[in-house]
PDB file of N, CA and C in Angstrom:
ATOM      1  N   MET A   1     -74.787 -33.082   0.584  1.00  0.00           N
ATOM      2  CA  MET A   1     -74.678 -33.887   1.779  1.00  0.00           C
ATOM      3  C   MET A   1     -76.065 -34.071   2.377  1.00  0.00           C
ATOM      4  N   LEU A   2     -76.352 -35.300   2.781  1.00  0.00           N
ATOM      5  CA  LEU A   2     -77.629 -35.622   3.399  1.00  0.00           C
ATOM      6  C   LEU A   2     -77.753 -34.918   4.739  1.00  0.00           C
ATOM      7  N   ARG A   3     -78.850 -34.232   4.973  1.00  0.00           N
ATOM      8  CA  ARG A   3     -79.081 -33.556   6.251  1.00  0.00           C
ATOM      9  C   ARG A   3     -80.257 -34.215   6.944  1.00  0.00           C
ATOM     10  N   LEU A   4     -80.050 -34.642   8.163  1.00  0.00           N
ATOM     11  CA  LEU A   4     -81.107 -35.206   8.989  1.00  0.00           C
ATOM     12  C   LEU A   4     -81.305 -34.303  10.186  1.00  0.00           C
ATOM     13  N   LEU A   5     -82.399 -34.487  10.897  1.00  0.00           N
ATOM     14  CA  LEU A   5     -82.560 -33.777  12.153  1.00  0.00           C
ATOM     15  C   LEU A   5     -81.385 -34.093  13.054  1.00  0.00           C
ATOM     16  N   PRO A   6     -80.961 -33.137  13.864  1.00  0.00           N
ATOM     17  CA  PRO A   6     -79.889 -33.465  14.812  1.00  0.00           C
ATOM     18  C   PRO A   6     -80.263 -34.689  15.626  1.00  0.00           C
ATOM     19  N   HIS A   7     -79.289 -35.566  15.847  1.00  0.00           N
ATOM     20  CA  HIS A   7     -79.594 -36.831  16.512  1.00  0.00           C
ATOM     21  C   HIS A   7     -80.143 -36.625  17.914  1.00  0.00           C
ATOM     22  N   ARG A   8     -79.876 -35.506  18.550  1.00  0.00           N
ATOM     23  CA  ARG A   8     -80.412 -35.258  19.885  1.00  0.00           C
ATOM     24  C   ARG A   8     -81.937 -35.114  19.868  1.00  0.00           C
ATOM     25  N   LEU A   9     -82.505 -34.730  18.737  1.00  0.00           N
ATOM     26  CA  LEU A   9     -83.945 -34.527  18.641  1.00  0.00           C
ATOM     27  C   LEU A   9     -84.702 -35.822  18.348  1.00  0.00           C
ATOM     28  N   LEU A  10     -83.993 -36.855  18.022  1.00  0.00           N
ATOM     29  CA  LEU A  10     -84.642 -38.093  17.610  1.00  0.00           C
ATOM     30  C   LEU A  10     -84.798 -39.110  18.725  1.00  0.00           C
ATOM     31  N   GLY A  11     -84.382 -38.779  19.913  1.00  0.00           N
ATOM     32  CA  GLY A  11     -84.547 -39.697  21.036  1.00  0.00           C
ATOM     33  C   GLY A  11     -83.442 -40.722  21.094  1.00  0.00           C
ATOM     34  N   GLN A  12     -83.686 -41.792  21.811  1.00  0.00           N
ATOM     35  CA  GLN A  12     -82.679 -42.829  22.000  1.00  0.00           C
ATOM     36  C   GLN A  12     -82.458 -43.581  20.697  1.00  0.00           C
ATOM     37  N   ALA A  13     -81.216 -43.748  20.359  1.00  0.00           N
ATOM     38  CA  ALA A  13     -80.844 -44.490  19.159  1.00  0.00           C
ATOM     39  C   ALA A  13     -79.376 -44.860  19.278  1.00  0.00           C
ATOM     40  N   GLU A  14     -78.841 -45.408  18.227  1.00  0.00           N
ATOM     41  CA  GLU A  14     -77.429 -45.778  18.232  1.00  0.00           C
ATOM     42  C   GLU A  14     -76.587 -44.531  18.473  1.00  0.00           C
ATOM     43  N   GLU A  15     -75.508 -44.698  19.191  1.00  0.00           N
ATOM     44  CA  GLU A  15     -74.602 -43.602  19.475  1.00  0.00           C
ATOM     45  C   GLU A  15     -73.283 -43.830  18.744  1.00  0.00           C
ATOM     46  N   PRO A  16     -72.562 -42.757  18.445  1.00  0.00           N
ATOM     47  CA  PRO A  16     -71.298 -42.910  17.717  1.00  0.00           C
ATOM     48  C   PRO A  16     -70.297 -43.820  18.409  1.00  0.00           C
ATOM     49  N   ASP A  17     -70.291 -43.863  19.739  1.00  0.00           N
ATOM     50  CA  ASP A  17     -69.312 -44.710  20.420  1.00  0.00           C
ATOM     51  C   ASP A  17     -69.600 -46.194  20.227  1.00  0.00           C
ATOM     52  N   GLU A  18     -70.828 -46.554  19.830  1.00  0.00           N
ATOM     53  CA  GLU A  18     -71.152 -47.963  19.595  1.00  0.00           C
ATOM     54  C   GLU A  18     -70.506 -48.499  18.320  1.00  0.00           C
ATOM     55  N   VAL A  19     -70.041 -47.612  17.460  1.00  0.00           N
ATOM     56  CA  VAL A  19     -69.332 -48.032  16.253  1.00  0.00           C
ATOM     57  C   VAL A  19     -67.894 -47.531  16.272  1.00  0.00           C
ATOM     58  N   GLY A  20     -67.386 -47.241  17.470  1.00  0.00           N
ATOM     59  CA  GLY A  20     -65.997 -46.854  17.617  1.00  0.00           C
ATOM     60  C   GLY A  20     -65.694 -45.406  17.305  1.00  0.00           C
ATOM     61  N   LEU A  21     -66.672 -44.526  17.476  1.00  0.00           N
ATOM     62  CA  LEU A  21     -66.476 -43.095  17.203  1.00  0.00           C
ATOM     63  C   LEU A  21     -66.890 -42.246  18.411  1.00  0.00           C
ATOM     64  N   PRO A  22     -66.310 -42.467  19.582  1.00  0.00           N
ATOM     65  CA  PRO A  22     -66.778 -41.762  20.774  1.00  0.00           C
ATOM     66  C   PRO A  22     -66.583 -40.250  20.730  1.00  0.00           C
ATOM     67  N   ASP A  23     -65.637 -39.758  19.929  1.00  0.00           N
ATOM     68  CA  ASP A  23     -65.363 -38.321  19.913  1.00  0.00           C
ATOM     69  C   ASP A  23     -65.777 -37.641  18.607  1.00  0.00           C
ATOM     70  N   VAL A  24     -66.618 -38.307  17.809  1.00  0.00           N
ATOM     71  CA  VAL A  24     -67.036 -37.737  16.529  1.00  0.00           C
ATOM     72  C   VAL A  24     -68.508 -37.342  16.603  1.00  0.00           C
ATOM     73  N   GLU A  25     -68.790 -36.072  16.349  1.00  0.00           N
ATOM     74  CA  GLU A  25     -70.176 -35.599  16.293  1.00  0.00           C
ATOM     75  C   GLU A  25     -70.777 -36.018  14.954  1.00  0.00           C
ATOM     76  N   LEU A  26     -72.041 -36.400  14.974  1.00  0.00           N
ATOM     77  CA  LEU A  26     -72.696 -36.872  13.747  1.00  0.00           C
ATOM     78  C   LEU A  26     -72.858 -35.786  12.701  1.00  0.00           C
ATOM     79  N   ASP A  27     -72.787 -34.514  13.118  1.00  0.00           N
ATOM     80  CA  ASP A  27     -72.947 -33.435  12.152  1.00  0.00           C
ATOM     81  C   ASP A  27     -71.604 -32.824  11.735  1.00  0.00           C
ATOM     82  N   ARG A  28     -70.496 -33.483  12.067  1.00  0.00           N
ATOM     83  CA  ARG A  28     -69.174 -32.986  11.662  1.00  0.00           C
ATOM     84  C   ARG A  28     -69.066 -33.000  10.145  1.00  0.00           C
ATOM     85  N   ASP A  29     -68.370 -32.023   9.599  1.00  0.00           N
ATOM     86  CA  ASP A  29     -68.128 -31.940   8.166  1.00  0.00           C
ATOM     87  C   ASP A  29     -67.430 -33.219   7.702  1.00  0.00           C
ATOM     88  N   ALA A  30     -68.031 -33.915   6.755  1.00  0.00           N
ATOM     89  CA  ALA A  30     -67.510 -35.210   6.307  1.00  0.00           C
ATOM     90  C   ALA A  30     -66.117 -35.100   5.687  1.00  0.00           C
ATOM     91  N   THR A  31     -65.736 -33.929   5.211  1.00  0.00           N
ATOM     92  CA  THR A  31     -64.397 -33.782   4.631  1.00  0.00           C
ATOM     93  C   THR A  31     -63.316 -33.870   5.699  1.00  0.00           C
ATOM     94  N   ARG A  32     -63.697 -33.798   6.960  1.00  0.00           N
ATOM     95  CA  ARG A  32     -62.733 -33.896   8.064  1.00  0.00           C
ATOM     96  C   ARG A  32     -62.718 -35.291   8.681  1.00  0.00           C
ATOM     97  N   LEU A  33     -63.315 -36.261   8.004  1.00  0.00           N
ATOM     98  CA  LEU A  33     -63.379 -37.637   8.508  1.00  0.00           C
ATOM     99  C   LEU A  33     -62.650 -38.575   7.554  1.00  0.00           C
ATOM    100  N   SER A  34     -62.155 -39.678   8.087  1.00  0.00           N
ATOM    101  CA  SER A  34     -61.575 -40.720   7.227  1.00  0.00           C
ATOM    102  C   SER A  34     -62.708 -41.467   6.524  1.00  0.00           C
ATOM    103  N   ASP A  35     -62.358 -42.271   5.529  1.00  0.00           N
ATOM    104  CA  ASP A  35     -63.380 -43.059   4.827  1.00  0.00           C
ATOM    105  C   ASP A  35     -64.115 -43.985   5.798  1.00  0.00           C
ATOM    106  N   GLY A  36     -63.375 -44.616   6.697  1.00  0.00           N
ATOM    107  CA  GLY A  36     -63.999 -45.502   7.679  1.00  0.00           C
ATOM    108  C   GLY A  36     -64.924 -44.756   8.625  1.00  0.00           C
ATOM    109  N   GLN A  37     -64.524 -43.552   9.046  1.00  0.00           N
ATOM    110  CA  GLN A  37     -65.383 -42.747   9.911  1.00  0.00           C
ATOM    111  C   GLN A  37     -66.643 -42.322   9.170  1.00  0.00           C
ATOM    112  N   VAL A  38     -66.505 -41.943   7.903  1.00  0.00           N
ATOM    113  CA  VAL A  38     -67.675 -41.551   7.105  1.00  0.00           C
ATOM    114  C   VAL A  38     -68.667 -42.704   7.031  1.00  0.00           C
ATOM    115  N   ALA A  39     -68.179 -43.927   6.795  1.00  0.00           N
ATOM    116  CA  ALA A  39     -69.059 -45.093   6.688  1.00  0.00           C
ATOM    117  C   ALA A  39     -69.804 -45.332   7.996  1.00  0.00           C
ATOM    118  N   ARG A  40     -69.099 -45.215   9.125  1.00  0.00           N
ATOM    119  CA  ARG A  40     -69.735 -45.468  10.421  1.00  0.00           C
ATOM    120  C   ARG A  40     -70.703 -44.363  10.809  1.00  0.00           C
ATOM    121  N   VAL A  41     -70.361 -43.107  10.525  1.00  0.00           N
ATOM    122  CA  VAL A  41     -71.289 -42.008  10.795  1.00  0.00           C
ATOM    123  C   VAL A  41     -72.538 -42.174   9.934  1.00  0.00           C
ATOM    124  N   ALA A  42     -72.361 -42.562   8.673  1.00  0.00           N
ATOM    125  CA  ALA A  42     -73.514 -42.762   7.788  1.00  0.00           C
ATOM    126  C   ALA A  42     -74.439 -43.845   8.337  1.00  0.00           C
ATOM    127  N   LEU A  43     -73.882 -44.928   8.858  1.00  0.00           N
ATOM    128  CA  LEU A  43     -74.701 -46.000   9.427  1.00  0.00           C
ATOM    129  C   LEU A  43     -75.479 -45.502  10.643  1.00  0.00           C
ATOM    130  N   VAL A  44     -74.807 -44.798  11.538  1.00  0.00           N
ATOM    131  CA  VAL A  44     -75.485 -44.281  12.729  1.00  0.00           C
ATOM    132  C   VAL A  44     -76.593 -43.311  12.332  1.00  0.00           C
ATOM    133  N   ARG A  45     -76.309 -42.409  11.403  1.00  0.00           N
ATOM    134  CA  ARG A  45     -77.324 -41.443  10.966  1.00  0.00           C
ATOM    135  C   ARG A  45     -78.508 -42.159  10.313  1.00  0.00           C
ATOM    136  N   LEU A  46     -78.223 -43.205   9.542  1.00  0.00           N
ATOM    137  CA  LEU A  46     -79.291 -43.992   8.925  1.00  0.00           C
ATOM    138  C   LEU A  46     -80.174 -44.626   9.988  1.00  0.00           C
ATOM    139  N   LEU A  47     -79.563 -45.213  10.997  1.00  0.00           N
ATOM    140  CA  LEU A  47     -80.333 -45.862  12.057  1.00  0.00           C
ATOM    141  C   LEU A  47     -81.175 -44.862  12.847  1.00  0.00           C
ATOM    142  N   LEU A  48     -80.727 -43.631  12.923  1.00  0.00           N
ATOM    143  CA  LEU A  48     -81.499 -42.603  13.625  1.00  0.00           C
ATOM    144  C   LEU A  48     -82.822 -42.296  12.924  1.00  0.00           C
ATOM    145  N   SER A  49     -82.905 -42.607  11.629  1.00  0.00           N
ATOM    146  CA  SER A  49     -84.153 -42.377  10.896  1.00  0.00           C
ATOM    147  C   SER A  49     -85.158 -43.511  11.101  1.00  0.00           C
ATOM    148  N   ARG A  50     -84.763 -44.520  11.919  1.00  0.00           N
ATOM    149  CA  ARG A  50     -85.604 -45.659  12.286  1.00  0.00           C
ATOM    150  C   ARG A  50     -86.174 -46.409  11.070  1.00  0.00           C
ATOM    151  N   PRO A  51     -85.291 -46.892  10.194  1.00  0.00           N
ATOM    152  CA  PRO A  51     -85.770 -47.655   9.038  1.00  0.00           C
ATOM    153  C   PRO A  51     -86.233 -49.044   9.462  1.00  0.00           C
ATOM    154  N   ARG A  52     -86.977 -49.703   8.603  1.00  0.00           N
ATOM    155  CA  ARG A  52     -87.358 -51.097   8.857  1.00  0.00           C
ATOM    156  C   ARG A  52     -86.398 -52.058   8.174  1.00  0.00           C
ATOM    157  N   VAL A  53     -85.783 -51.592   7.099  1.00  0.00           N
ATOM    158  CA  VAL A  53     -84.859 -52.420   6.330  1.00  0.00           C
ATOM    159  C   VAL A  53     -83.595 -51.612   6.045  1.00  0.00           C
ATOM    160  N   LEU A  54     -82.453 -52.244   6.195  1.00  0.00           N
ATOM    161  CA  LEU A  54     -81.175 -51.638   5.827  1.00  0.00           C
ATOM    162  C   LEU A  54     -80.676 -52.295   4.548  1.00  0.00           C
ATOM    163  N   LEU A  55     -80.348 -51.513   3.553  1.00  0.00           N
ATOM    164  CA  LEU A  55     -79.691 -52.000   2.338  1.00  0.00           C
ATOM    165  C   LEU A  55     -78.272 -51.458   2.400  1.00  0.00           C
ATOM    166  N   LEU A  56     -77.316 -52.321   2.675  1.00  0.00           N
ATOM    167  CA  LEU A  56     -75.955 -51.902   2.972  1.00  0.00           C
ATOM    168  C   LEU A  56     -74.980 -52.448   1.935  1.00  0.00           C
ATOM    169  N   ASP A  57     -74.302 -51.558   1.257  1.00  0.00           N
ATOM    170  CA  ASP A  57     -73.304 -51.948   0.260  1.00  0.00           C
ATOM    171  C   ASP A  57     -71.927 -51.822   0.896  1.00  0.00           C
ATOM    172  N   GLU A  58     -71.377 -52.940   1.338  1.00  0.00           N
ATOM    173  CA  GLU A  58     -70.069 -53.014   1.965  1.00  0.00           C
ATOM    174  C   GLU A  58     -69.874 -51.971   3.080  1.00  0.00           C
ATOM    175  N   PRO A  59     -70.709 -52.023   4.120  1.00  0.00           N
ATOM    176  CA  PRO A  59     -70.610 -51.019   5.170  1.00  0.00           C
ATOM    177  C   PRO A  59     -69.322 -51.082   5.975  1.00  0.00           C
ATOM    178  N   ASP A  60     -68.578 -52.173   5.846  1.00  0.00           N
ATOM    179  CA  ASP A  60     -67.342 -52.309   6.609  1.00  0.00           C
ATOM    180  C   ASP A  60     -66.102 -52.435   5.723  1.00  0.00           C
ATOM    181  N   ALA A  61     -66.234 -52.108   4.436  1.00  0.00           N
ATOM    182  CA  ALA A  61     -65.120 -52.293   3.501  1.00  0.00           C
ATOM    183  C   ALA A  61     -63.911 -51.430   3.851  1.00  0.00           C
ATOM    184  N   ALA A  62     -64.124 -50.231   4.371  1.00  0.00           N
ATOM    185  CA  ALA A  62     -63.017 -49.320   4.680  1.00  0.00           C
ATOM    186  C   ALA A  62     -62.583 -49.417   6.136  1.00  0.00           C
ATOM    187  N   LEU A  63     -63.018 -50.458   6.834  1.00  0.00           N
ATOM    188  CA  LEU A  63     -62.781 -50.554   8.271  1.00  0.00           C
ATOM    189  C   LEU A  63     -61.760 -51.626   8.618  1.00  0.00           C
ATOM    190  N   ASP A  64     -61.054 -51.418   9.718  1.00  0.00           N
ATOM    191  CA  ASP A  64     -60.191 -52.465  10.244  1.00  0.00           C
ATOM    192  C   ASP A  64     -61.087 -53.523  10.898  1.00  0.00           C
ATOM    193  N   ASP A  65     -60.504 -54.638  11.283  1.00  0.00           N
ATOM    194  CA  ASP A  65     -61.302 -55.752  11.807  1.00  0.00           C
ATOM    195  C   ASP A  65     -62.092 -55.381  13.064  1.00  0.00           C
ATOM    196  N   ASP A  66     -61.477 -54.622  13.974  1.00  0.00           N
ATOM    197  CA  ASP A  66     -62.181 -54.243  15.207  1.00  0.00           C
ATOM    198  C   ASP A  66     -63.384 -53.356  14.916  1.00  0.00           C
ATOM    199  N   SER A  67     -63.201 -52.364  14.041  1.00  0.00           N
ATOM    200  CA  SER A  67     -64.307 -51.465  13.686  1.00  0.00           C
ATOM    201  C   SER A  67     -65.394 -52.216  12.920  1.00  0.00           C
ATOM    202  N   ALA A  68     -64.981 -53.145  12.048  1.00  0.00           N
ATOM    203  CA  ALA A  68     -65.959 -53.949  11.305  1.00  0.00           C
ATOM    204  C   ALA A  68     -66.785 -54.796  12.268  1.00  0.00           C
ATOM    205  N   ALA A  69     -66.153 -55.300  13.315  1.00  0.00           N
ATOM    206  CA  ALA A  69     -66.884 -56.087  14.312  1.00  0.00           C
ATOM    207  C   ALA A  69     -67.915 -55.226  15.032  1.00  0.00           C
ATOM    208  N   LEU A  70     -67.576 -53.978  15.337  1.00  0.00           N
ATOM    209  CA  LEU A  70     -68.530 -53.071  15.987  1.00  0.00           C
ATOM    210  C   LEU A  70     -69.727 -52.798  15.073  1.00  0.00           C
ATOM    211  N   VAL A  71     -69.453 -52.560  13.801  1.00  0.00           N
ATOM    212  CA  VAL A  71     -70.535 -52.322  12.834  1.00  0.00           C
ATOM    213  C   VAL A  71     -71.402 -53.572  12.723  1.00  0.00           C
ATOM    214  N   GLY A  72     -70.791 -54.734  12.661  1.00  0.00           N
ATOM    215  CA  GLY A  72     -71.553 -55.981  12.600  1.00  0.00           C
ATOM    216  C   GLY A  72     -72.452 -56.156  13.805  1.00  0.00           C
ATOM    217  N   ALA A  73     -71.960 -55.798  14.984  1.00  0.00           N
ATOM    218  CA  ALA A  73     -72.771 -55.910  16.206  1.00  0.00           C
ATOM    219  C   ALA A  73     -73.971 -54.981  16.160  1.00  0.00           C
ATOM    220  N   VAL A  74     -73.787 -53.775  15.642  1.00  0.00           N
ATOM    221  CA  VAL A  74     -74.907 -52.824  15.526  1.00  0.00           C
ATOM    222  C   VAL A  74     -75.951 -53.368  14.555  1.00  0.00           C
ATOM    223  N   ILE A  75     -75.506 -53.930  13.446  1.00  0.00           N
ATOM    224  CA  ILE A  75     -76.442 -54.483  12.457  1.00  0.00           C
ATOM    225  C   ILE A  75     -77.179 -55.693  13.037  1.00  0.00           C
ATOM    226  N   ARG A  76     -76.461 -56.572  13.741  1.00  0.00           N
ATOM    227  CA  ARG A  76     -77.118 -57.731  14.365  1.00  0.00           C
ATOM    228  C   ARG A  76     -78.151 -57.292  15.400  1.00  0.00           C
ATOM    229  N   ARG A  77     -77.848 -56.261  16.169  1.00  0.00           N
ATOM    230  CA  ARG A  77     -78.800 -55.747  17.159  1.00  0.00           C
ATOM    231  C   ARG A  77     -80.039 -55.181  16.462  1.00  0.00           C
ATOM    232  N   PHE A  78     -79.832 -54.473  15.352  1.00  0.00           N
ATOM    233  CA  PHE A  78     -80.946 -53.937  14.572  1.00  0.00           C
ATOM    234  C   PHE A  78     -81.868 -55.067  14.119  1.00  0.00           C
ATOM    235  N   VAL A  79     -81.293 -56.159  13.616  1.00  0.00           N
ATOM    236  CA  VAL A  79     -82.079 -57.306  13.152  1.00  0.00           C
ATOM    237  C   VAL A  79     -82.766 -57.991  14.336  1.00  0.00           C
ATOM    238  N   ALA A  80     -82.070 -58.134  15.440  1.00  0.00           N
ATOM    239  CA  ALA A  80     -82.649 -58.774  16.627  1.00  0.00           C
ATOM    240  C   ALA A  80     -83.848 -57.989  17.166  1.00  0.00           C
ATOM    241  N   GLN A  81     -83.872 -56.689  16.899  1.00  0.00           N
ATOM    242  CA  GLN A  81     -84.980 -55.853  17.353  1.00  0.00           C
ATOM    243  C   GLN A  81     -86.104 -55.776  16.322  1.00  0.00           C
ATOM    244  N   GLY A  82     -86.055 -56.632  15.300  1.00  0.00           N
ATOM    245  CA  GLY A  82     -87.150 -56.715  14.346  1.00  0.00           C
ATOM    246  C   GLY A  82     -86.889 -56.123  12.985  1.00  0.00           C
ATOM    247  N   GLY A  83     -85.733 -55.534  12.770  1.00  0.00           N
ATOM    248  CA  GLY A  83     -85.405 -54.985  11.461  1.00  0.00           C
ATOM    249  C   GLY A  83     -84.888 -56.064  10.532  1.00  0.00           C
ATOM    250  N   ALA A  84     -84.671 -55.688   9.299  1.00  0.00           N
ATOM    251  CA  ALA A  84     -84.090 -56.597   8.311  1.00  0.00           C
ATOM    252  C   ALA A  84     -82.902 -55.888   7.678  1.00  0.00           C
ATOM    253  N   ALA A  85     -81.905 -56.652   7.290  1.00  0.00           N
ATOM    254  CA  ALA A  85     -80.718 -56.070   6.671  1.00  0.00           C
ATOM    255  C   ALA A  85     -80.267 -56.918   5.504  1.00  0.00           C
ATOM    256  N   VAL A  86     -79.985 -56.259   4.403  1.00  0.00           N
ATOM    257  CA  VAL A  86     -79.365 -56.888   3.239  1.00  0.00           C
ATOM    258  C   VAL A  86     -77.999 -56.231   3.113  1.00  0.00           C
ATOM    259  N   ARG A  87     -76.967 -57.049   3.234  1.00  0.00           N
ATOM    260  CA  ARG A  87     -75.607 -56.508   3.238  1.00  0.00           C
ATOM    261  C   ARG A  87     -74.812 -57.151   2.125  1.00  0.00           C
ATOM    262  N   VAL A  88     -74.257 -56.322   1.247  1.00  0.00           N
ATOM    263  CA  VAL A  88     -73.382 -56.791   0.182  1.00  0.00           C
ATOM    264  C   VAL A  88     -71.961 -56.773   0.728  1.00  0.00           C
ATOM    265  N   ARG A  89     -71.265 -57.900   0.557  1.00  0.00           N
ATOM    266  CA  ARG A  89     -69.876 -58.000   1.007  1.00  0.00           C
ATOM    267  C   ARG A  89     -69.077 -58.712  -0.073  1.00  0.00           C
ATOM    268  N   HIS A  90     -67.858 -58.271  -0.242  1.00  0.00           N
ATOM    269  CA  HIS A  90     -66.991 -58.899  -1.236  1.00  0.00           C
ATOM    270  C   HIS A  90     -65.810 -59.628  -0.611  1.00  0.00           C
ATOM    271  N   LEU A  91     -65.319 -59.157   0.516  1.00  0.00           N
ATOM    272  CA  LEU A  91     -64.099 -59.725   1.077  1.00  0.00           C
ATOM    273  C   LEU A  91     -64.325 -60.595   2.296  1.00  0.00           C
ATOM    274  N   ARG A  92     -65.081 -60.116   3.245  1.00  0.00           N
ATOM    275  CA  ARG A  92     -65.261 -60.856   4.495  1.00  0.00           C
ATOM    276  C   ARG A  92     -66.464 -61.781   4.399  1.00  0.00           C
ATOM    277  N   VAL A  93     -66.360 -62.919   5.063  1.00  0.00           N
ATOM    278  CA  VAL A  93     -67.497 -63.826   5.183  1.00  0.00           C
ATOM    279  C   VAL A  93     -68.337 -63.339   6.349  1.00  0.00           C
ATOM    280  N   ASP A  94     -69.637 -63.323   6.185  1.00  0.00           N
ATOM    281  CA  ASP A  94     -70.536 -62.829   7.239  1.00  0.00           C
ATOM    282  C   ASP A  94     -71.115 -64.012   7.995  1.00  0.00           C
ATOM    283  N   ALA A  95     -70.525 -64.329   9.131  1.00  0.00           N
ATOM    284  CA  ALA A  95     -70.965 -65.476   9.929  1.00  0.00           C
ATOM    285  C   ALA A  95     -72.341 -65.254  10.540  1.00  0.00           C
ATOM    286  N   ALA A  96     -72.789 -64.003  10.621  1.00  0.00           N
ATOM    287  CA  ALA A  96     -74.079 -63.706  11.237  1.00  0.00           C
ATOM    288  C   ALA A  96     -75.234 -63.786  10.237  1.00  0.00           C
ATOM    289  N   ALA A  97     -74.938 -64.029   8.992  1.00  0.00           N
ATOM    290  CA  ALA A  97     -75.973 -64.028   7.964  1.00  0.00           C
ATOM    291  C   ALA A  97     -76.924 -65.209   8.115  1.00  0.00           C
ATOM    292  N   ASP A  98     -78.213 -64.956   7.911  1.00  0.00           N
ATOM    293  CA  ASP A  98     -79.206 -66.023   7.893  1.00  0.00           C
ATOM    294  C   ASP A  98     -79.150 -66.787   6.568  1.00  0.00           C
ATOM    295  N   ARG A  99     -78.875 -66.050   5.502  1.00  0.00           N
ATOM    296  CA  ARG A  99     -78.756 -66.644   4.171  1.00  0.00           C
ATOM    297  C   ARG A  99     -77.589 -65.987   3.467  1.00  0.00           C
ATOM    298  N   ARG A 100     -76.897 -66.748   2.652  1.00  0.00           N
ATOM    299  CA  ARG A 100     -75.812 -66.202   1.852  1.00  0.00           C
ATOM    300  C   ARG A 100     -76.158 -66.432   0.393  1.00  0.00           C
ATOM    301  N   LEU A 101     -76.129 -65.350  -0.375  1.00  0.00           N
ATOM    302  CA  LEU A 101     -76.462 -65.405  -1.797  1.00  0.00           C
ATOM    303  C   LEU A 101     -75.292 -64.875  -2.599  1.00  0.00           C
ATOM    304  N   ARG A 102     -75.171 -65.351  -3.819  1.00  0.00           N
ATOM    305  CA  ARG A 102     -74.127 -64.857  -4.707  1.00  0.00           C
ATOM    306  C   ARG A 102     -74.766 -64.534  -6.051  1.00  0.00           C
ATOM    307  N   LEU A 103     -74.364 -63.407  -6.609  1.00  0.00           N
ATOM    308  CA  LEU A 103     -74.793 -63.038  -7.946  1.00  0.00           C
ATOM    309  C   LEU A 103     -73.756 -63.600  -8.905  1.00  0.00           C
ATOM    310  N   ALA A 104     -74.179 -64.536  -9.739  1.00  0.00           N
ATOM    311  CA  ALA A 104     -73.265 -65.187 -10.669  1.00  0.00           C
ATOM    312  C   ALA A 104     -73.916 -65.263 -12.037  1.00  0.00           C
ATOM    313  N   GLU A 105     -73.266 -64.679 -13.022  1.00  0.00           N
ATOM    314  CA  GLU A 105     -73.760 -64.712 -14.397  1.00  0.00           C
ATOM    315  C   GLU A 105     -75.200 -64.240 -14.511  1.00  0.00           C
ATOM    316  N   GLY A 106     -75.513 -63.172 -13.785  1.00  0.00           N
ATOM    317  CA  GLY A 106     -76.852 -62.582 -13.864  1.00  0.00           C
ATOM    318  C   GLY A 106     -77.922 -63.288 -13.059  1.00  0.00           C
ATOM    319  N   ARG A 107     -77.532 -64.294 -12.274  1.00  0.00           N
ATOM    320  CA  ARG A 107     -78.510 -65.034 -11.469  1.00  0.00           C
ATOM    321  C   ARG A 107     -78.088 -65.007 -10.013  1.00  0.00           C
ATOM    322  N   ILE A 108     -79.093 -65.023  -9.136  1.00  0.00           N
ATOM    323  CA  ILE A 108     -78.825 -65.091  -7.709  1.00  0.00           C
ATOM    324  C   ILE A 108     -78.857 -66.554  -7.310  1.00  0.00           C
ATOM    325  N   VAL A 109     -77.767 -66.996  -6.691  1.00  0.00           N
ATOM    326  CA  VAL A 109     -77.622 -68.375  -6.276  1.00  0.00           C
ATOM    327  C   VAL A 109     -77.434 -68.400  -4.769  1.00  0.00           C
ATOM    328  N   GLU A 110     -78.195 -69.263  -4.064  1.00  0.00           N
ATOM    329  CA  GLU A 110     -78.030 -69.383  -2.630  1.00  0.00           C
ATOM    330  C   GLU A 110     -76.858 -70.316  -2.338  1.00  0.00           C
ATOM    331  N   LEU A 111     -75.998 -69.871  -1.423  1.00  0.00           N
ATOM    332  CA  LEU A 111     -74.836 -70.668  -1.020  1.00  0.00           C
ATOM    333  C   LEU A 111     -75.208 -71.475   0.211  1.00  0.00           C
ATOM    334  N   SER A 112     -74.663 -72.661   0.314  1.00  0.00           N
ATOM    335  CA  SER A 112     -74.976 -73.498   1.475  1.00  0.00           C
ATOM    336  C   SER A 112     -73.995 -73.236   2.590  1.00  0.00           C
TER     337      SER A 112
END
């Protein structure tokens, strides 16, 4: 399991309640979380490390629509503050995307 500094030591950053987890501690044993909770805790912990780029493989795949919307808002805020995000999605259309690309037959094709 990935261990980061406790989020309290890292200063102001995303909080669990911003992704719909107001009662979940970031250091809770992951075996006691649902798949959707694990995905959201992982995103919050990642953001606490202050990355410049997020590479996200279906960060909302295990989430209901409301939780997926919260995750999308956190990612949009990250980008608005100067970060970059590459998000792979298979089911939902990402209306917030600047560009939409598809991998088809070994080639990346931009969608209009």
